[in-house]
Amino acid sequence: MILSIPELVAQAKASVECINAEQAYKNKNAIFIDVREPAEFTNSPVENSIQIPRGVLEMNITKHCPNADMEIYLHCASGGRATLAAEQLQRIGYTNVKAISCKHDDVCQAQKNQ
């Protein structure tokens, strides 16, 4: 059986902590990672976020997050890719990963309000 993207995201949500952007930006010490594609990031960047596309996240994460216990918040355009990326980071050993599960505009607004 082939799963759809919404089904994969729903499965990932069972093991990933998902929060909204306002909750995430209350923590000033966390690392924020934008897992959107480079063109998306260029068109609408989020200040103080590191851009690592989901497709290369596992290969590049340790450059920015060398400690497995660092608090990491992942965001994207709608929360789906962030959830899948958080699940993958947990698989490779990160212990304090959360997905911001709201739309990109909400992430931008919450970042501005911090």
PDB file of N, CA and C in Angstrom:
ATOM      1  N   MET A   1       0.834  -1.182   0.000  1.00  0.00           N
ATOM      2  CA  MET A   1       0.000   0.000   0.000  1.00  0.00           C
ATOM      3  C   MET A   1       0.880   1.247   0.000  1.00  0.00           C
ATOM      4  N   ILE A   2       0.617   2.155  -0.896  1.00  0.00           N
ATOM      5  CA  ILE A   2       1.348   3.413  -0.985  1.00  0.00           C
ATOM      6  C   ILE A   2       0.590   4.460  -0.172  1.00  0.00           C
ATOM      7  N   LEU A   3       1.323   5.138   0.716  1.00  0.00           N
ATOM      8  CA  LEU A   3       0.712   6.165   1.552  1.00  0.00           C
ATOM      9  C   LEU A   3       0.795   7.526   0.864  1.00  0.00           C
ATOM     10  N   SER A   4      -0.226   8.318   1.067  1.00  0.00           N
ATOM     11  CA  SER A   4      -0.209   9.690   0.556  1.00  0.00           C
ATOM     12  C   SER A   4       0.601  10.565   1.515  1.00  0.00           C
ATOM     13  N   ILE A   5       0.952  11.746   1.060  1.00  0.00           N
ATOM     14  CA  ILE A   5       1.692  12.680   1.910  1.00  0.00           C
ATOM     15  C   ILE A   5       0.889  13.019   3.177  1.00  0.00           C
ATOM     16  N   PRO A   6      -0.394  13.331   3.072  1.00  0.00           N
ATOM     17  CA  PRO A   6      -1.148  13.588   4.306  1.00  0.00           C
ATOM     18  C   PRO A   6      -1.143  12.396   5.271  1.00  0.00           C
ATOM     19  N   GLU A   7      -1.155  11.188   4.744  1.00  0.00           N
ATOM     20  CA  GLU A   7      -1.098  10.005   5.608  1.00  0.00           C
ATOM     21  C   GLU A   7       0.279   9.883   6.280  1.00  0.00           C
ATOM     22  N   LEU A   8       1.340  10.156   5.523  1.00  0.00           N
ATOM     23  CA  LEU A   8       2.690  10.124   6.102  1.00  0.00           C
ATOM     24  C   LEU A   8       2.851  11.169   7.200  1.00  0.00           C
ATOM     25  N   VAL A   9       2.333  12.363   6.945  1.00  0.00           N
ATOM     26  CA  VAL A   9       2.429  13.434   7.939  1.00  0.00           C
ATOM     27  C   VAL A   9       1.623  13.056   9.181  1.00  0.00           C
ATOM     28  N   ALA A  10       0.449  12.497   8.990  1.00  0.00           N
ATOM     29  CA  ALA A  10      -0.369  12.074  10.135  1.00  0.00           C
ATOM     30  C   ALA A  10       0.357  11.016  10.965  1.00  0.00           C
ATOM     31  N   GLN A  11       1.023  10.095  10.320  1.00  0.00           N
ATOM     32  CA  GLN A  11       1.798   9.080  11.042  1.00  0.00           C
ATOM     33  C   GLN A  11       2.954   9.724  11.806  1.00  0.00           C
ATOM     34  N   ALA A  12       3.626  10.668  11.172  1.00  0.00           N
ATOM     35  CA  ALA A  12       4.759  11.335  11.816  1.00  0.00           C
ATOM     36  C   ALA A  12       4.306  12.121  13.041  1.00  0.00           C
ATOM     37  N   LYS A  13       3.122  12.721  12.965  1.00  0.00           N
ATOM     38  CA  LYS A  13       2.616  13.506  14.091  1.00  0.00           C
ATOM     39  C   LYS A  13       2.422  12.666  15.346  1.00  0.00           C
ATOM     40  N   ALA A  14       2.306  11.367  15.175  1.00  0.00           N
ATOM     41  CA  ALA A  14       2.143  10.488  16.335  1.00  0.00           C
ATOM     42  C   ALA A  14       3.412  10.432  17.185  1.00  0.00           C
ATOM     43  N   SER A  15       4.566  10.722  16.571  1.00  0.00           N
ATOM     44  CA  SER A  15       5.828  10.628  17.310  1.00  0.00           C
ATOM     45  C   SER A  15       6.584  11.952  17.408  1.00  0.00           C
ATOM     46  N   VAL A  16       6.033  13.013  16.848  1.00  0.00           N
ATOM     47  CA  VAL A  16       6.698  14.319  16.826  1.00  0.00           C
ATOM     48  C   VAL A  16       5.849  15.320  17.591  1.00  0.00           C
ATOM     49  N   GLU A  17       6.516  16.129  18.394  1.00  0.00           N
ATOM     50  CA  GLU A  17       5.790  17.201  19.074  1.00  0.00           C
ATOM     51  C   GLU A  17       5.601  18.352  18.091  1.00  0.00           C
ATOM     52  N   CYS A  18       4.341  18.712  17.869  1.00  0.00           N
ATOM     53  CA  CYS A  18       4.009  19.816  16.974  1.00  0.00           C
ATOM     54  C   CYS A  18       3.466  20.975  17.808  1.00  0.00           C
ATOM     55  N   ILE A  19       3.967  22.168  17.530  1.00  0.00           N
ATOM     56  CA  ILE A  19       3.541  23.360  18.253  1.00  0.00           C
ATOM     57  C   ILE A  19       3.247  24.465  17.261  1.00  0.00           C
ATOM     58  N   ASN A  20       2.592  25.530  17.738  1.00  0.00           N
ATOM     59  CA  ASN A  20       2.363  26.654  16.834  1.00  0.00           C
ATOM     60  C   ASN A  20       3.538  27.630  16.919  1.00  0.00           C
ATOM     61  N   ALA A  21       3.562  28.582  16.035  1.00  0.00           N
ATOM     62  CA  ALA A  21       4.698  29.506  15.942  1.00  0.00           C
ATOM     63  C   ALA A  21       4.836  30.382  17.181  1.00  0.00           C
ATOM     64  N   GLU A  22       3.725  30.820  17.742  1.00  0.00           N
ATOM     65  CA  GLU A  22       3.796  31.655  18.942  1.00  0.00           C
ATOM     66  C   GLU A  22       4.462  30.910  20.089  1.00  0.00           C
ATOM     67  N   GLN A  23       4.128  29.639  20.251  1.00  0.00           N
ATOM     68  CA  GLN A  23       4.763  28.832  21.296  1.00  0.00           C
ATOM     69  C   GLN A  23       6.259  28.706  21.034  1.00  0.00           C
ATOM     70  N   ALA A  24       6.625  28.463  19.808  1.00  0.00           N
ATOM     71  CA  ALA A  24       8.036  28.254  19.461  1.00  0.00           C
ATOM     72  C   ALA A  24       8.865  29.498  19.739  1.00  0.00           C
ATOM     73  N   TYR A  25       8.379  30.650  19.366  1.00  0.00           N
ATOM     74  CA  TYR A  25       9.175  31.867  19.497  1.00  0.00           C
ATOM     75  C   TYR A  25       9.249  32.397  20.918  1.00  0.00           C
ATOM     76  N   LYS A  26       8.620  31.717  21.859  1.00  0.00           N
ATOM     77  CA  LYS A  26       8.804  32.065  23.274  1.00  0.00           C
ATOM     78  C   LYS A  26      10.176  31.628  23.764  1.00  0.00           C
ATOM     79  N   ASN A  27      10.771  30.657  23.078  1.00  0.00           N
ATOM     80  CA  ASN A  27      12.083  30.150  23.475  1.00  0.00           C
ATOM     81  C   ASN A  27      13.165  30.852  22.674  1.00  0.00           C
ATOM     82  N   LYS A  28      13.878  31.738  23.314  1.00  0.00           N
ATOM     83  CA  LYS A  28      14.909  32.530  22.637  1.00  0.00           C
ATOM     84  C   LYS A  28      16.188  31.732  22.371  1.00  0.00           C
ATOM     85  N   ASN A  29      16.364  30.581  23.040  1.00  0.00           N
ATOM     86  CA  ASN A  29      17.605  29.816  22.899  1.00  0.00           C
ATOM     87  C   ASN A  29      17.531  28.708  21.853  1.00  0.00           C
ATOM     88  N   ALA A  30      16.398  28.524  21.242  1.00  0.00           N
ATOM     89  CA  ALA A  30      16.237  27.445  20.267  1.00  0.00           C
ATOM     90  C   ALA A  30      16.858  27.814  18.924  1.00  0.00           C
ATOM     91  N   ILE A  31      17.155  26.799  18.155  1.00  0.00           N
ATOM     92  CA  ILE A  31      17.611  26.947  16.773  1.00  0.00           C
ATOM     93  C   ILE A  31      16.383  26.770  15.884  1.00  0.00           C
ATOM     94  N   PHE A  32      16.171  27.696  14.951  1.00  0.00           N
ATOM     95  CA  PHE A  32      15.051  27.622  14.020  1.00  0.00           C
ATOM     96  C   PHE A  32      15.595  27.247  12.652  1.00  0.00           C
ATOM     97  N   ILE A  33      15.032  26.186  12.082  1.00  0.00           N
ATOM     98  CA  ILE A  33      15.479  25.701  10.779  1.00  0.00           C
ATOM     99  C   ILE A  33      14.308  25.703   9.814  1.00  0.00           C
ATOM    100  N   ASP A  34      14.512  26.364   8.690  1.00  0.00           N
ATOM    101  CA  ASP A  34      13.529  26.428   7.613  1.00  0.00           C
ATOM    102  C   ASP A  34      13.863  25.302   6.638  1.00  0.00           C
ATOM    103  N   VAL A  35      12.968  24.335   6.503  1.00  0.00           N
ATOM    104  CA  VAL A  35      13.246  23.180   5.645  1.00  0.00           C
ATOM    105  C   VAL A  35      12.631  23.313   4.251  1.00  0.00           C
ATOM    106  N   ARG A  36      12.185  24.524   3.905  1.00  0.00           N
ATOM    107  CA  ARG A  36      11.665  24.740   2.557  1.00  0.00           C
ATOM    108  C   ARG A  36      12.805  24.720   1.543  1.00  0.00           C
ATOM    109  N   GLU A  37      12.441  24.677   0.281  1.00  0.00           N
ATOM    110  CA  GLU A  37      13.416  24.692  -0.807  1.00  0.00           C
ATOM    111  C   GLU A  37      14.051  26.082  -0.924  1.00  0.00           C
ATOM    112  N   PRO A  38      15.264  26.161  -1.497  1.00  0.00           N
ATOM    113  CA  PRO A  38      15.961  27.450  -1.587  1.00  0.00           C
ATOM    114  C   PRO A  38      15.145  28.568  -2.237  1.00  0.00           C
ATOM    115  N   ALA A  39      14.423  28.293  -3.295  1.00  0.00           N
ATOM    116  CA  ALA A  39      13.634  29.341  -3.957  1.00  0.00           C
ATOM    117  C   ALA A  39      12.538  29.871  -3.033  1.00  0.00           C
ATOM    118  N   GLU A  40      11.923  28.986  -2.271  1.00  0.00           N
ATOM    119  CA  GLU A  40      10.890  29.420  -1.318  1.00  0.00           C
ATOM    120  C   GLU A  40      11.503  30.325  -0.256  1.00  0.00           C
ATOM    121  N   PHE A  41      12.655  29.920   0.242  1.00  0.00           N
ATOM    122  CA  PHE A  41      13.350  30.693   1.271  1.00  0.00           C
ATOM    123  C   PHE A  41      13.750  32.056   0.727  1.00  0.00           C
ATOM    124  N   THR A  42      14.272  32.105  -0.485  1.00  0.00           N
ATOM    125  CA  THR A  42      14.695  33.363  -1.098  1.00  0.00           C
ATOM    126  C   THR A  42      13.516  34.307  -1.273  1.00  0.00           C
ATOM    127  N   ASN A  43      12.379  33.771  -1.685  1.00  0.00           N
ATOM    128  CA  ASN A  43      11.195  34.600  -1.917  1.00  0.00           C
ATOM    129  C   ASN A  43      10.573  35.121  -0.627  1.00  0.00           C
ATOM    130  N   SER A  44      10.729  34.388   0.462  1.00  0.00           N
ATOM    131  CA  SER A  44      10.101  34.790   1.722  1.00  0.00           C
ATOM    132  C   SER A  44      10.885  34.225   2.907  1.00  0.00           C
ATOM    133  N   PRO A  45      12.049  34.813   3.188  1.00  0.00           N
ATOM    134  CA  PRO A  45      12.864  34.293   4.300  1.00  0.00           C
ATOM    135  C   PRO A  45      12.248  34.599   5.654  1.00  0.00           C
ATOM    136  N   VAL A  46      12.612  33.797   6.631  1.00  0.00           N
ATOM    137  CA  VAL A  46      12.226  34.046   8.021  1.00  0.00           C
ATOM    138  C   VAL A  46      13.493  34.454   8.748  1.00  0.00           C
ATOM    139  N   GLU A  47      13.474  35.650   9.297  1.00  0.00           N
ATOM    140  CA  GLU A  47      14.639  36.181  10.000  1.00  0.00           C
ATOM    141  C   GLU A  47      15.084  35.232  11.109  1.00  0.00           C
ATOM    142  N   ASN A  48      16.371  35.097  11.270  1.00  0.00           N
ATOM    143  CA  ASN A  48      16.976  34.259  12.317  1.00  0.00           C
ATOM    144  C   ASN A  48      16.710  32.763  12.151  1.00  0.00           C
ATOM    145  N   SER A  49      16.369  32.336  10.952  1.00  0.00           N
ATOM    146  CA  SER A  49      16.222  30.909  10.662  1.00  0.00           C
ATOM    147  C   SER A  49      17.370  30.461   9.771  1.00  0.00           C
ATOM    148  N   ILE A  50      17.821  29.263  10.029  1.00  0.00           N
ATOM    149  CA  ILE A  50      18.834  28.643   9.179  1.00  0.00           C
ATOM    150  C   ILE A  50      18.083  27.892   8.092  1.00  0.00           C
ATOM    151  N   GLN A  51      18.488  28.036   6.859  1.00  0.00           N
ATOM    152  CA  GLN A  51      17.806  27.347   5.768  1.00  0.00           C
ATOM    153  C   GLN A  51      18.552  26.073   5.422  1.00  0.00           C
ATOM    154  N   ILE A  52      17.902  24.947   5.673  1.00  0.00           N
ATOM    155  CA  ILE A  52      18.430  23.642   5.264  1.00  0.00           C
ATOM    156  C   ILE A  52      17.263  22.884   4.632  1.00  0.00           C
ATOM    157  N   PRO A  53      17.241  22.732   3.316  1.00  0.00           N
ATOM    158  CA  PRO A  53      16.137  22.022   2.681  1.00  0.00           C
ATOM    159  C   PRO A  53      15.976  20.606   3.243  1.00  0.00           C
ATOM    160  N   ARG A  54      14.748  20.168   3.339  1.00  0.00           N
ATOM    161  CA  ARG A  54      14.454  18.849   3.894  1.00  0.00           C
ATOM    162  C   ARG A  54      15.239  17.747   3.196  1.00  0.00           C
ATOM    163  N   GLY A  55      15.451  17.871   1.901  1.00  0.00           N
ATOM    164  CA  GLY A  55      16.145  16.832   1.142  1.00  0.00           C
ATOM    165  C   GLY A  55      17.603  16.627   1.516  1.00  0.00           C
ATOM    166  N   VAL A  56      18.214  17.630   2.154  1.00  0.00           N
ATOM    167  CA  VAL A  56      19.620  17.505   2.548  1.00  0.00           C
ATOM    168  C   VAL A  56      19.810  17.720   4.046  1.00  0.00           C
ATOM    169  N   LEU A  57      18.746  17.701   4.793  1.00  0.00           N
ATOM    170  CA  LEU A  57      18.792  17.995   6.225  1.00  0.00           C
ATOM    171  C   LEU A  57      19.735  17.075   6.979  1.00  0.00           C
ATOM    172  N   GLU A  58      19.608  15.776   6.763  1.00  0.00           N
ATOM    173  CA  GLU A  58      20.439  14.818   7.498  1.00  0.00           C
ATOM    174  C   GLU A  58      21.924  15.007   7.193  1.00  0.00           C
ATOM    175  N   MET A  59      22.245  15.445   5.994  1.00  0.00           N
ATOM    176  CA  MET A  59      23.642  15.629   5.602  1.00  0.00           C
ATOM    177  C   MET A  59      24.239  16.910   6.161  1.00  0.00           C
ATOM    178  N   ASN A  60      23.405  17.889   6.505  1.00  0.00           N
ATOM    179  CA  ASN A  60      23.911  19.199   6.908  1.00  0.00           C
ATOM    180  C   ASN A  60      23.591  19.612   8.340  1.00  0.00           C
ATOM    181  N   ILE A  61      22.780  18.868   9.029  1.00  0.00           N
ATOM    182  CA  ILE A  61      22.317  19.289  10.351  1.00  0.00           C
ATOM    183  C   ILE A  61      23.452  19.437  11.354  1.00  0.00           C
ATOM    184  N   THR A  62      24.425  18.548  11.341  1.00  0.00           N
ATOM    185  CA  THR A  62      25.473  18.606  12.364  1.00  0.00           C
ATOM    186  C   THR A  62      26.372  19.837  12.230  1.00  0.00           C
ATOM    187  N   LYS A  63      26.389  20.461  11.068  1.00  0.00           N
ATOM    188  CA  LYS A  63      27.151  21.704  10.906  1.00  0.00           C
ATOM    189  C   LYS A  63      26.570  22.819  11.767  1.00  0.00           C
ATOM    190  N   HIS A  64      25.256  22.779  11.961  1.00  0.00           N
ATOM    191  CA  HIS A  64      24.559  23.827  12.698  1.00  0.00           C
ATOM    192  C   HIS A  64      24.117  23.385  14.088  1.00  0.00           C
ATOM    193  N   CYS A  65      23.920  22.093  14.261  1.00  0.00           N
ATOM    194  CA  CYS A  65      23.420  21.545  15.518  1.00  0.00           C
ATOM    195  C   CYS A  65      24.258  20.330  15.916  1.00  0.00           C
ATOM    196  N   PRO A  66      25.445  20.554  16.468  1.00  0.00           N
ATOM    197  CA  PRO A  66      26.328  19.441  16.790  1.00  0.00           C
ATOM    198  C   PRO A  66      25.914  18.653  18.029  1.00  0.00           C
ATOM    199  N   ASN A  67      25.049  19.236  18.855  1.00  0.00           N
ATOM    200  CA  ASN A  67      24.627  18.602  20.099  1.00  0.00           C
ATOM    201  C   ASN A  67      23.238  17.984  19.911  1.00  0.00           C
ATOM    202  N   ALA A  68      23.105  16.718  20.187  1.00  0.00           N
ATOM    203  CA  ALA A  68      21.831  16.005  19.996  1.00  0.00           C
ATOM    204  C   ALA A  68      20.718  16.512  20.897  1.00  0.00           C
ATOM    205  N   ASP A  69      21.070  17.232  21.960  1.00  0.00           N
ATOM    206  CA  ASP A  69      20.054  17.726  22.897  1.00  0.00           C
ATOM    207  C   ASP A  69      19.655  19.184  22.650  1.00  0.00           C
ATOM    208  N   MET A  70      20.201  19.807  21.630  1.00  0.00           N
ATOM    209  CA  MET A  70      19.836  21.198  21.325  1.00  0.00           C
ATOM    210  C   MET A  70      18.350  21.291  21.038  1.00  0.00           C
ATOM    211  N   GLU A  71      17.746  22.398  21.432  1.00  0.00           N
ATOM    212  CA  GLU A  71      16.332  22.610  21.119  1.00  0.00           C
ATOM    213  C   GLU A  71      16.235  23.122  19.687  1.00  0.00           C
ATOM    214  N   ILE A  72      15.548  22.354  18.847  1.00  0.00           N
ATOM    215  CA  ILE A  72      15.449  22.647  17.419  1.00  0.00           C
ATOM    216  C   ILE A  72      13.978  22.754  17.041  1.00  0.00           C
ATOM    217  N   TYR A  73      13.632  23.851  16.366  1.00  0.00           N
ATOM    218  CA  TYR A  73      12.287  24.038  15.825  1.00  0.00           C
ATOM    219  C   TYR A  73      12.390  24.072  14.307  1.00  0.00           C
ATOM    220  N   LEU A  74      11.601  23.250  13.661  1.00  0.00           N
ATOM    221  CA  LEU A  74      11.590  23.161  12.202  1.00  0.00           C
ATOM    222  C   LEU A  74      10.316  23.794  11.663  1.00  0.00           C
ATOM    223  N   HIS A  75      10.441  24.522  10.573  1.00  0.00           N
ATOM    224  CA  HIS A  75       9.246  25.101   9.951  1.00  0.00           C
ATOM    225  C   HIS A  75       9.366  25.041   8.440  1.00  0.00           C
ATOM    226  N   CYS A  76       8.199  25.148   7.781  1.00  0.00           N
ATOM    227  CA  CYS A  76       8.130  25.094   6.315  1.00  0.00           C
ATOM    228  C   CYS A  76       6.963  25.969   5.872  1.00  0.00           C
ATOM    229  N   ALA A  77       6.320  25.613   4.780  1.00  0.00           N
ATOM    230  CA  ALA A  77       5.205  26.410   4.267  1.00  0.00           C
ATOM    231  C   ALA A  77       3.885  26.100   4.970  1.00  0.00           C
ATOM    232  N   SER A  78       3.699  24.859   5.397  1.00  0.00           N
ATOM    233  CA  SER A  78       2.414  24.485   5.990  1.00  0.00           C
ATOM    234  C   SER A  78       2.525  23.579   7.216  1.00  0.00           C
ATOM    235  N   GLY A  79       3.708  23.120   7.534  1.00  0.00           N
ATOM    236  CA  GLY A  79       3.908  22.235   8.670  1.00  0.00           C
ATOM    237  C   GLY A  79       4.175  20.789   8.299  1.00  0.00           C
ATOM    238  N   GLY A  80       3.808  20.369   7.099  1.00  0.00           N
ATOM    239  CA  GLY A  80       3.988  18.981   6.682  1.00  0.00           C
ATOM    240  C   GLY A  80       5.443  18.563   6.572  1.00  0.00           C
ATOM    241  N   ARG A  81       6.219  19.323   5.817  1.00  0.00           N
ATOM    242  CA  ARG A  81       7.646  18.995   5.672  1.00  0.00           C
ATOM    243  C   ARG A  81       8.379  19.121   6.999  1.00  0.00           C
ATOM    244  N   ALA A  82       7.987  20.109   7.802  1.00  0.00           N
ATOM    245  CA  ALA A  82       8.619  20.283   9.121  1.00  0.00           C
ATOM    246  C   ALA A  82       8.364  19.064   9.997  1.00  0.00           C
ATOM    247  N   THR A  83       7.165  18.527   9.939  1.00  0.00           N
ATOM    248  CA  THR A  83       6.831  17.337  10.730  1.00  0.00           C
ATOM    249  C   THR A  83       7.637  16.133  10.270  1.00  0.00           C
ATOM    250  N   LEU A  84       7.714  15.923   8.972  1.00  0.00           N
ATOM    251  CA  LEU A  84       8.494  14.806   8.443  1.00  0.00           C
ATOM    252  C   LEU A  84       9.980  14.981   8.754  1.00  0.00           C
ATOM    253  N   ALA A  85      10.471  16.209   8.683  1.00  0.00           N
ATOM    254  CA  ALA A  85      11.875  16.477   8.991  1.00  0.00           C
ATOM    255  C   ALA A  85      12.165  16.240  10.473  1.00  0.00           C
ATOM    256  N   ALA A  86      11.246  16.639  11.343  1.00  0.00           N
ATOM    257  CA  ALA A  86      11.428  16.413  12.777  1.00  0.00           C
ATOM    258  C   ALA A  86      11.479  14.923  13.086  1.00  0.00           C
ATOM    259  N   GLU A  87      10.626  14.168  12.442  1.00  0.00           N
ATOM    260  CA  GLU A  87      10.631  12.711  12.629  1.00  0.00           C
ATOM    261  C   GLU A  87      11.990  12.127  12.227  1.00  0.00           C
ATOM    262  N   GLN A  88      12.529  12.603  11.128  1.00  0.00           N
ATOM    263  CA  GLN A  88      13.812  12.093  10.651  1.00  0.00           C
ATOM    264  C   GLN A  88      14.947  12.474  11.601  1.00  0.00           C
ATOM    265  N   LEU A  89      14.933  13.698  12.109  1.00  0.00           N
ATOM    266  CA  LEU A  89      15.981  14.102  13.055  1.00  0.00           C
ATOM    267  C   LEU A  89      15.911  13.276  14.337  1.00  0.00           C
ATOM    268  N   GLN A  90      14.718  12.928  14.771  1.00  0.00           N
ATOM    269  CA  GLN A  90      14.591  12.054  15.933  1.00  0.00           C
ATOM    270  C   GLN A  90      15.193  10.685  15.633  1.00  0.00           C
ATOM    271  N   ARG A  91      14.976  10.191  14.429  1.00  0.00           N
ATOM    272  CA  ARG A  91      15.532   8.884  14.045  1.00  0.00           C
ATOM    273  C   ARG A  91      17.049   8.866  14.101  1.00  0.00           C
ATOM    274  N   ILE A  92      17.672   9.997  13.759  1.00  0.00           N
ATOM    275  CA  ILE A  92      19.135  10.000  13.747  1.00  0.00           C
ATOM    276  C   ILE A  92      19.731  10.389  15.094  1.00  0.00           C
ATOM    277  N   GLY A  93      18.872  10.668  16.089  1.00  0.00           N
ATOM    278  CA  GLY A  93      19.375  10.849  17.444  1.00  0.00           C
ATOM    279  C   GLY A  93      19.119  12.179  18.126  1.00  0.00           C
ATOM    280  N   TYR A  94      18.490  13.125  17.458  1.00  0.00           N
ATOM    281  CA  TYR A  94      18.179  14.395  18.115  1.00  0.00           C
ATOM    282  C   TYR A  94      17.007  14.180  19.075  1.00  0.00           C
ATOM    283  N   THR A  95      17.125  14.741  20.267  1.00  0.00           N
ATOM    284  CA  THR A  95      16.160  14.443  21.325  1.00  0.00           C
ATOM    285  C   THR A  95      15.209  15.583  21.654  1.00  0.00           C
ATOM    286  N   ASN A  96      15.457  16.775  21.133  1.00  0.00           N
ATOM    287  CA  ASN A  96      14.656  17.937  21.506  1.00  0.00           C
ATOM    288  C   ASN A  96      14.204  18.695  20.255  1.00  0.00           C
ATOM    289  N   VAL A  97      13.499  17.985  19.386  1.00  0.00           N
ATOM    290  CA  VAL A  97      13.068  18.523  18.098  1.00  0.00           C
ATOM    291  C   VAL A  97      11.557  18.722  18.110  1.00  0.00           C
ATOM    292  N   LYS A  98      11.124  19.870  17.578  1.00  0.00           N
ATOM    293  CA  LYS A  98       9.695  20.150  17.472  1.00  0.00           C
ATOM    294  C   LYS A  98       9.398  20.693  16.076  1.00  0.00           C
ATOM    295  N   ALA A  99       8.216  20.376  15.584  1.00  0.00           N
ATOM    296  CA  ALA A  99       7.763  20.900  14.295  1.00  0.00           C
ATOM    297  C   ALA A  99       6.785  22.035  14.538  1.00  0.00           C
ATOM    298  N   ILE A 100       6.998  23.135  13.855  1.00  0.00           N
ATOM    299  CA  ILE A 100       6.030  24.228  13.891  1.00  0.00           C
ATOM    300  C   ILE A 100       4.988  23.889  12.830  1.00  0.00           C
ATOM    301  N   SER A 101       3.788  23.622  13.282  1.00  0.00           N
ATOM    302  CA  SER A 101       2.778  23.049  12.384  1.00  0.00           C
ATOM    303  C   SER A 101       1.726  24.067  11.956  1.00  0.00           C
ATOM    304  N   CYS A 102       2.188  25.231  11.536  1.00  0.00           N
ATOM    305  CA  CYS A 102       1.259  26.229  11.025  1.00  0.00           C
ATOM    306  C   CYS A 102       1.795  26.784   9.705  1.00  0.00           C
ATOM    307  N   LYS A 103       1.034  27.650   9.113  1.00  0.00           N
ATOM    308  CA  LYS A 103       1.419  28.206   7.817  1.00  0.00           C
ATOM    309  C   LYS A 103       2.605  29.167   7.942  1.00  0.00           C
ATOM    310  N   HIS A 104       3.310  29.312   6.837  1.00  0.00           N
ATOM    311  CA  HIS A 104       4.499  30.164   6.779  1.00  0.00           C
ATOM    312  C   HIS A 104       4.202  31.596   7.238  1.00  0.00           C
ATOM    313  N   ASP A 105       3.071  32.154   6.831  1.00  0.00           N
ATOM    314  CA  ASP A 105       2.725  33.517   7.233  1.00  0.00           C
ATOM    315  C   ASP A 105       2.632  33.640   8.751  1.00  0.00           C
ATOM    316  N   ASP A 106       2.124  32.611   9.416  1.00  0.00           N
ATOM    317  CA  ASP A 106       2.038  32.621  10.883  1.00  0.00           C
ATOM    318  C   ASP A 106       3.428  32.572  11.511  1.00  0.00           C
ATOM    319  N   VAL A 107       4.337  31.834  10.896  1.00  0.00           N
ATOM    320  CA  VAL A 107       5.722  31.778  11.393  1.00  0.00           C
ATOM    321  C   VAL A 107       6.356  33.166  11.259  1.00  0.00           C
ATOM    322  N   CYS A 108       6.187  33.804  10.111  1.00  0.00           N
ATOM    323  CA  CYS A 108       6.750  35.132   9.905  1.00  0.00           C
ATOM    324  C   CYS A 108       6.194  36.143  10.915  1.00  0.00           C
ATOM    325  N   GLN A 109       4.897  36.080  11.144  1.00  0.00           N
ATOM    326  CA  GLN A 109       4.262  37.011  12.091  1.00  0.00           C
ATOM    327  C   GLN A 109       4.758  36.771  13.511  1.00  0.00           C
ATOM    328  N   ALA A 110       4.845  35.526  13.920  1.00  0.00           N
ATOM    329  CA  ALA A 110       5.312  35.217  15.272  1.00  0.00           C
ATOM    330  C   ALA A 110       6.766  35.657  15.459  1.00  0.00           C
ATOM    331  N   GLN A 111       7.575  35.503  14.439  1.00  0.00           N
ATOM    332  CA  GLN A 111       8.974  35.917  14.522  1.00  0.00           C
ATOM    333  C   GLN A 111       9.058  37.427  14.681  1.00  0.00           C
ATOM    334  N   LYS A 112       8.226  38.161  13.959  1.00  0.00           N
ATOM    335  CA  LYS A 112       8.225  39.618  14.065  1.00  0.00           C
ATOM    336  C   LYS A 112       7.752  40.078  15.443  1.00  0.00           C
ATOM    337  N   ASN A 113       6.845  39.337  16.045  1.00  0.00           N
ATOM    338  CA  ASN A 113       6.278  39.717  17.337  1.00  0.00           C
ATOM    339  C   ASN A 113       7.177  39.380  18.524  1.00  0.00           C
ATOM    340  N   GLN A 114       8.234  38.646  18.305  1.00  0.00           N
ATOM    341  CA  GLN A 114       9.071  38.223  19.445  1.00  0.00           C
ATOM    342  C   GLN A 114       9.802  39.350  20.092  1.00  0.00           C
TER     343      GLN A 114
END
